């Protein structure tokens, strides 16, 4: 039986698993395959490519192939300037290659982005000592320019950290186990909602789905069904909220991704719409509805 073709995201995930196990050579190969797949994809995203090159750089670094690590970090940083991981990996590789000036510049650049990163603090101290020993008291005069990090980069990182903290806090909250009675009630209300949707009574269906979710807030399809109804009554922000909830439980849910993309499109948020469609097409590359919507919003 022929092997199923793997998407770039699946190859990336396989590479990540190998990396965690210390199988750095295998990880490098998988990341290389993922890069090839994404390069030839019509939904190619430069940020995704930057991550893949940075991941492969990490594998090269672990394997002691510092020159290739630097090359991949350079490529990653061309697509995603001031990517902290790529800067740190290039700094570590440059340090191993005794290119202390470049390593110092990268460590200092990282500290401009986030002054609390211990690896950058320690690296800066090591490079200061090495450069003082090599070039004497005037070693700073021989440094290449240290780039100025735009405020927008620092703000974006701060937002990402806040979102990650919120996500971690939500994951720490344990949901009580549902009784069989609660699950049955939720299903009955959901079925009533489905019947109302078939009749085109979307507002009434929203009420039934909302009641269902009070009994069982962990049912993904109830969120995606209610999102469909919100789209129908032009409540796009509510549709996005329901799709967000569904995707927290099932990150590859095609219906949630497509409906969120539709909502973003209706709100004229083309970038967010395209991002969702790209995620969807990673899961189902031949999804005709997604391909059609992508073509429409990119006109």
Protein backbone atom coordinates (compact mmCIF):
# COMPACT_ATOMS: atom_id res chain seq x y z
CA UNK A 1 0.00 0.00 0.00
CA UNK A 2 1.53 3.37 -1.02
CA UNK A 3 2.53 5.78 1.75
CA UNK A 4 0.24 8.77 2.25
CA UNK A 5 1.85 12.03 1.16
CA UNK A 6 2.87 14.09 4.19
CA UNK A 7 2.28 17.83 4.40
CA UNK A 8 5.05 20.19 5.46
CA UNK A 9 3.43 20.62 8.89
CA UNK A 10 3.36 16.84 9.43
CA UNK A 11 7.04 16.59 8.42
CA UNK A 12 7.84 19.48 10.77
CA UNK A 13 6.05 17.71 13.64
CA UNK A 14 7.94 14.48 12.91
CA UNK A 15 11.18 16.49 12.91
CA UNK A 16 10.27 18.01 16.27
CA UNK A 17 9.66 14.53 17.73
CA UNK A 18 13.06 13.31 16.49
CA UNK A 19 14.73 16.41 17.91
CA UNK A 20 13.17 15.77 21.34
CA UNK A 21 14.57 12.22 21.24
CA UNK A 22 18.06 13.48 20.39
CA UNK A 23 17.86 12.11 16.83
CA UNK A 24 19.31 15.25 15.29
CA UNK A 25 20.35 13.77 11.94
CA UNK A 26 16.83 12.40 11.35
CA UNK A 27 15.34 15.72 12.45
CA UNK A 28 17.52 17.59 9.95
CA UNK A 29 16.30 15.33 7.14
CA UNK A 30 12.64 15.80 8.06
CA UNK A 31 12.99 19.57 8.32
CA UNK A 32 14.68 19.57 4.89
CA UNK A 33 11.72 17.66 3.43
CA UNK A 34 9.30 20.06 5.11
CA UNK A 35 11.16 23.05 3.60
CA UNK A 36 10.90 21.50 0.10
CA UNK A 37 7.18 20.84 0.55
CA UNK A 38 6.48 24.35 1.77
CA UNK A 39 8.65 25.95 -0.93
CA UNK A 40 6.54 24.38 -3.68
CA UNK A 41 3.21 25.05 -1.90
CA UNK A 42 0.99 27.78 -3.29
CA UNK A 43 0.11 28.74 0.29
CA UNK A 44 3.75 29.35 1.22
CA UNK A 45 4.18 31.61 4.26
CA UNK A 46 7.52 33.29 4.99
CA UNK A 47 7.04 33.05 8.76
CA UNK A 48 6.50 29.29 8.48
CA UNK A 49 9.64 28.97 6.35
CA UNK A 50 11.59 31.00 8.88
CA UNK A 51 10.56 28.58 11.65
CA UNK A 52 11.57 25.54 9.58
CA UNK A 53 15.02 26.98 8.80
CA UNK A 54 15.46 27.91 12.46
CA UNK A 55 14.47 24.39 13.56
CA UNK A 56 16.91 22.83 11.12
CA UNK A 57 19.56 25.23 12.40
CA UNK A 58 18.96 23.89 15.92
CA UNK A 59 19.53 20.35 14.68
CA UNK A 60 22.74 21.36 12.90
CA UNK A 61 23.92 23.10 16.06
CA UNK A 62 23.27 20.02 18.21
CA UNK A 63 25.16 17.90 15.67
CA UNK A 64 28.12 20.30 15.75
CA UNK A 65 27.59 21.49 12.16
CA UNK A 66 27.94 25.15 13.08
CA UNK A 67 28.56 26.52 9.57
CA UNK A 68 25.27 25.09 8.28
CA UNK A 69 23.55 26.34 11.41
CA UNK A 70 24.70 29.90 10.66
CA UNK A 71 23.51 29.62 7.03
CA UNK A 72 20.04 28.45 8.10
CA UNK A 73 19.79 31.17 10.75
CA UNK A 74 20.71 33.78 8.12
CA UNK A 75 17.93 32.47 5.86
CA UNK A 76 15.46 32.41 8.73
CA UNK A 77 16.30 35.98 9.73
CA UNK A 78 15.85 37.22 6.15
CA UNK A 79 12.20 36.09 6.33
CA UNK A 80 11.64 36.88 10.01
CA UNK A 81 14.02 39.61 11.24
CA UNK A 82 14.72 39.66 14.98
CA UNK A 83 13.52 36.08 15.50
CA UNK A 84 14.94 35.42 18.97
CA UNK A 85 15.54 31.69 18.50
CA UNK A 86 17.40 32.23 15.22
CA UNK A 87 19.53 34.98 16.75
CA UNK A 88 20.44 32.81 19.75
CA UNK A 89 21.26 29.81 17.57
CA UNK A 90 23.44 31.89 15.25
CA UNK A 91 25.17 33.42 18.27
CA UNK A 92 25.91 29.97 19.74
CA UNK A 93 27.20 28.68 16.39
CA UNK A 94 29.35 31.80 15.87
CA UNK A 95 30.76 31.40 19.37
CA UNK A 96 31.67 27.77 18.65
CA UNK A 97 33.35 28.91 15.42
CA UNK A 98 35.23 31.56 17.47
CA UNK A 99 33.51 34.40 15.60
CA UNK A 100 33.14 36.27 18.85
CA UNK A 101 32.24 39.68 17.41
CA UNK A 102 29.25 38.32 15.48
CA UNK A 103 28.19 36.25 18.50
CA UNK A 104 28.38 39.36 20.72
CA UNK A 105 26.22 41.37 18.28
CA UNK A 106 23.56 38.65 18.18
CA UNK A 107 23.47 38.21 21.95
CA UNK A 108 23.17 42.00 22.41
CA UNK A 109 20.40 42.17 19.81
CA UNK A 110 18.44 39.53 21.71
CA UNK A 111 18.83 41.54 24.92
CA UNK A 112 17.31 44.56 23.17
CA UNK A 113 14.25 42.42 22.43
CA UNK A 114 14.03 40.87 25.90
CA UNK A 115 16.60 41.79 28.55
CA UNK A 116 15.56 38.83 30.74
CA UNK A 117 16.81 36.03 28.47
CA UNK A 118 19.50 34.29 30.52
CA UNK A 119 21.22 32.64 27.52
CA UNK A 120 21.79 36.06 25.96
CA UNK A 121 23.01 37.57 29.25
CA UNK A 122 25.48 34.73 29.81
CA UNK A 123 26.59 34.80 26.16
CA UNK A 124 27.22 38.54 26.28
CA UNK A 125 29.37 38.12 29.39
CA UNK A 126 31.39 35.30 27.80
CA UNK A 127 31.93 37.28 24.59
CA UNK A 128 32.94 40.42 26.51
CA UNK A 129 35.63 38.42 28.29
CA UNK A 130 36.82 36.67 25.11
CA UNK A 131 36.96 39.90 23.08
CA UNK A 132 38.76 41.77 25.86
CA UNK A 133 41.40 39.03 25.93
CA UNK A 134 41.69 38.97 22.12
CA UNK A 135 41.50 42.68 21.22
CA UNK A 136 42.33 44.54 24.45
CA UNK A 137 40.43 47.46 26.01
CA UNK A 138 39.38 48.90 22.62
CA UNK A 139 37.57 45.72 21.51
CA UNK A 140 34.22 47.54 21.11
CA UNK A 141 35.66 49.70 18.32
CA UNK A 142 36.15 46.61 16.16
CA UNK A 143 32.55 45.37 16.46
CA UNK A 144 30.17 45.33 13.50
CA UNK A 145 27.11 47.59 13.99
CA UNK A 146 24.50 46.32 16.45
CA UNK A 147 21.07 46.68 14.81
CA UNK A 148 18.39 48.74 16.53
CA UNK A 149 15.33 46.64 17.34
CA UNK A 150 12.07 48.41 16.38
CA UNK A 151 9.55 49.00 19.19
CA UNK A 152 6.94 47.04 17.19
CA UNK A 153 9.05 43.88 17.56
CA UNK A 154 9.24 44.29 21.35
CA UNK A 155 5.48 44.96 21.55
CA UNK A 156 4.68 41.89 19.45
CA UNK A 157 6.83 39.67 21.70
CA UNK A 158 5.14 41.11 24.79
CA UNK A 159 1.69 40.33 23.34
CA UNK A 160 2.77 36.77 22.49
CA UNK A 161 4.05 36.22 26.02
CA UNK A 162 0.79 37.54 27.50
CA UNK A 163 -1.28 35.27 25.24
CA UNK A 164 0.88 32.27 26.18
CA UNK A 165 0.43 33.03 29.88
CA UNK A 166 -3.35 33.24 29.43
CA UNK A 167 -3.38 29.95 27.50
CA UNK A 168 -1.28 28.22 30.17
CA UNK A 169 -3.59 29.52 32.90
CA UNK A 170 -6.64 28.17 31.06
CA UNK A 171 -4.99 24.78 30.59
CA UNK A 172 -4.24 24.62 34.32
CA UNK A 173 -7.95 24.87 35.18
CA UNK A 174 -9.31 21.35 35.51
CA UNK A 175 -12.84 20.80 34.21
CA UNK A 176 -15.09 18.64 36.42
CA UNK A 177 -16.07 15.28 34.95
CA UNK A 178 -19.47 15.36 33.22
CA UNK A 179 -22.23 13.03 34.35
CA UNK A 180 -23.96 10.79 31.84
CA UNK A 181 -27.17 12.77 32.43
CA UNK A 182 -25.46 16.06 31.56
CA UNK A 183 -24.03 14.58 28.35
CA UNK A 184 -27.48 13.26 27.35
CA UNK A 185 -29.12 16.64 28.01
CA UNK A 186 -26.43 18.40 25.99
CA UNK A 187 -26.84 16.00 23.07
CA UNK A 188 -30.65 16.36 23.07
CA UNK A 189 -30.39 20.17 22.97
CA UNK A 190 -27.74 20.00 20.28
CA UNK A 191 -30.01 17.74 18.18
CA UNK A 192 -32.81 20.29 18.57
CA UNK A 193 -30.42 22.98 17.38
CA UNK A 194 -29.44 20.88 14.35
CA UNK A 195 -33.11 20.44 13.45
CA UNK A 196 -33.68 24.19 13.65
CA UNK A 197 -30.68 24.83 11.39
CA UNK A 198 -32.21 22.58 8.73
CA UNK A 199 -35.33 24.77 8.89
CA UNK A 200 -33.22 27.92 8.53
CA UNK A 201 -34.08 29.09 12.05
CA UNK A 202 -30.56 30.10 13.03
CA UNK A 203 -31.35 32.43 15.94
CA UNK A 204 -33.41 29.76 17.68
CA UNK A 205 -30.67 27.22 16.94
CA UNK A 206 -28.13 29.51 18.65
CA UNK A 207 -30.26 29.40 21.81
CA UNK A 208 -30.37 25.58 21.76
CA UNK A 209 -26.61 25.28 21.17
CA UNK A 210 -25.96 27.75 24.00
CA UNK A 211 -28.12 25.68 26.36
CA UNK A 212 -26.32 22.53 25.21
CA UNK A 213 -22.92 24.04 25.98
CA UNK A 214 -24.01 24.82 29.56
CA UNK A 215 -24.41 21.07 30.08
CA UNK A 216 -21.35 20.03 28.06
CA UNK A 217 -18.83 22.82 27.35
CA UNK A 218 -16.31 20.34 25.91
CA UNK A 219 -18.26 19.38 22.76
CA UNK A 220 -16.31 20.76 19.80
CA UNK A 221 -19.05 20.31 17.20
CA UNK A 222 -21.54 22.36 19.22
CA UNK A 223 -19.17 25.32 18.99
CA UNK A 224 -18.65 24.88 15.25
CA UNK A 225 -22.41 24.47 14.71
CA UNK A 226 -23.16 27.62 16.66
CA UNK A 227 -20.41 29.42 14.73
CA UNK A 228 -22.23 28.51 11.51
CA UNK A 229 -25.41 30.07 12.90
CA UNK A 230 -23.57 33.21 13.99
CA UNK A 231 -22.24 33.53 10.43
CA UNK A 232 -25.76 33.22 9.08
CA UNK A 233 -27.03 36.07 11.26
CA UNK A 234 -23.92 38.19 10.56
CA UNK A 235 -22.56 38.02 14.13
CA UNK A 236 -19.00 37.52 12.90
CA UNK A 237 -17.11 38.28 16.11
CA UNK A 238 -19.21 35.71 17.97
CA UNK A 239 -18.50 33.18 15.21
CA UNK A 240 -14.76 33.78 15.63
CA UNK A 241 -15.06 33.35 19.40
CA UNK A 242 -16.76 29.95 18.96
CA UNK A 243 -14.19 28.82 16.40
CA UNK A 244 -11.40 29.87 18.79
CA UNK A 245 -12.99 27.71 21.50
CA UNK A 246 -13.25 24.73 19.15
CA UNK A 247 -9.64 25.11 17.96
CA UNK A 248 -8.33 25.18 21.53
CA UNK A 249 -9.72 21.66 21.87
CA UNK A 250 -8.93 20.49 18.32
CA UNK A 251 -6.30 22.65 16.59
CA UNK A 252 -6.80 20.98 13.21
CA UNK A 253 -10.59 21.17 13.10
CA UNK A 254 -11.40 21.93 9.46
CA UNK A 255 -14.89 23.35 10.07
CA UNK A 256 -13.64 25.71 12.77
CA UNK A 257 -10.78 26.93 10.56
CA UNK A 258 -13.05 27.43 7.54
CA UNK A 259 -15.80 29.20 9.47
CA UNK A 260 -13.31 31.44 11.24
CA UNK A 261 -11.81 32.27 7.85
CA UNK A 262 -15.30 33.15 6.56
CA UNK A 263 -15.88 35.42 9.56
CA UNK A 264 -12.52 37.16 9.07
CA UNK A 265 -13.34 37.62 5.39
CA UNK A 266 -16.69 39.22 6.24
CA UNK A 267 -14.91 41.55 8.68
CA UNK A 268 -12.46 42.49 5.85
CA UNK A 269 -9.54 40.99 7.81
CA UNK A 270 -7.87 39.42 4.78
CA UNK A 271 -4.60 38.49 6.50
CA UNK A 272 -6.35 36.55 9.28
CA UNK A 273 -8.61 34.88 6.71
CA UNK A 274 -5.63 33.77 4.60
CA UNK A 275 -3.78 32.48 7.70
CA UNK A 276 -6.74 30.27 8.64
CA UNK A 277 -7.13 28.95 5.11
CA UNK A 278 -3.44 28.07 4.98
CA UNK A 279 -3.75 26.15 8.24
CA UNK A 280 -6.79 24.35 6.86
CA UNK A 281 -5.01 23.44 3.61
CA UNK A 282 -2.15 21.95 5.61
CA UNK A 283 -4.71 19.52 7.01
CA UNK A 284 -6.72 19.05 3.79
CA UNK A 285 -4.67 20.27 0.80
CA UNK A 286 -7.50 19.58 -1.68
CA UNK A 287 -10.36 21.18 0.24
CA UNK A 288 -12.22 22.86 -2.63
CA UNK A 289 -14.19 25.34 -0.50
CA UNK A 290 -10.99 26.60 1.16
CA UNK A 291 -9.13 26.83 -2.15
CA UNK A 292 -12.03 28.78 -3.67
CA UNK A 293 -12.25 31.23 -0.75
CA UNK A 294 -8.46 31.69 -0.77
CA UNK A 295 -8.59 32.54 -4.48
CA UNK A 296 -11.41 35.04 -3.85
CA UNK A 297 -9.75 36.90 -0.97
CA UNK A 298 -6.37 37.10 -2.74
CA UNK A 299 -7.79 38.77 -5.88
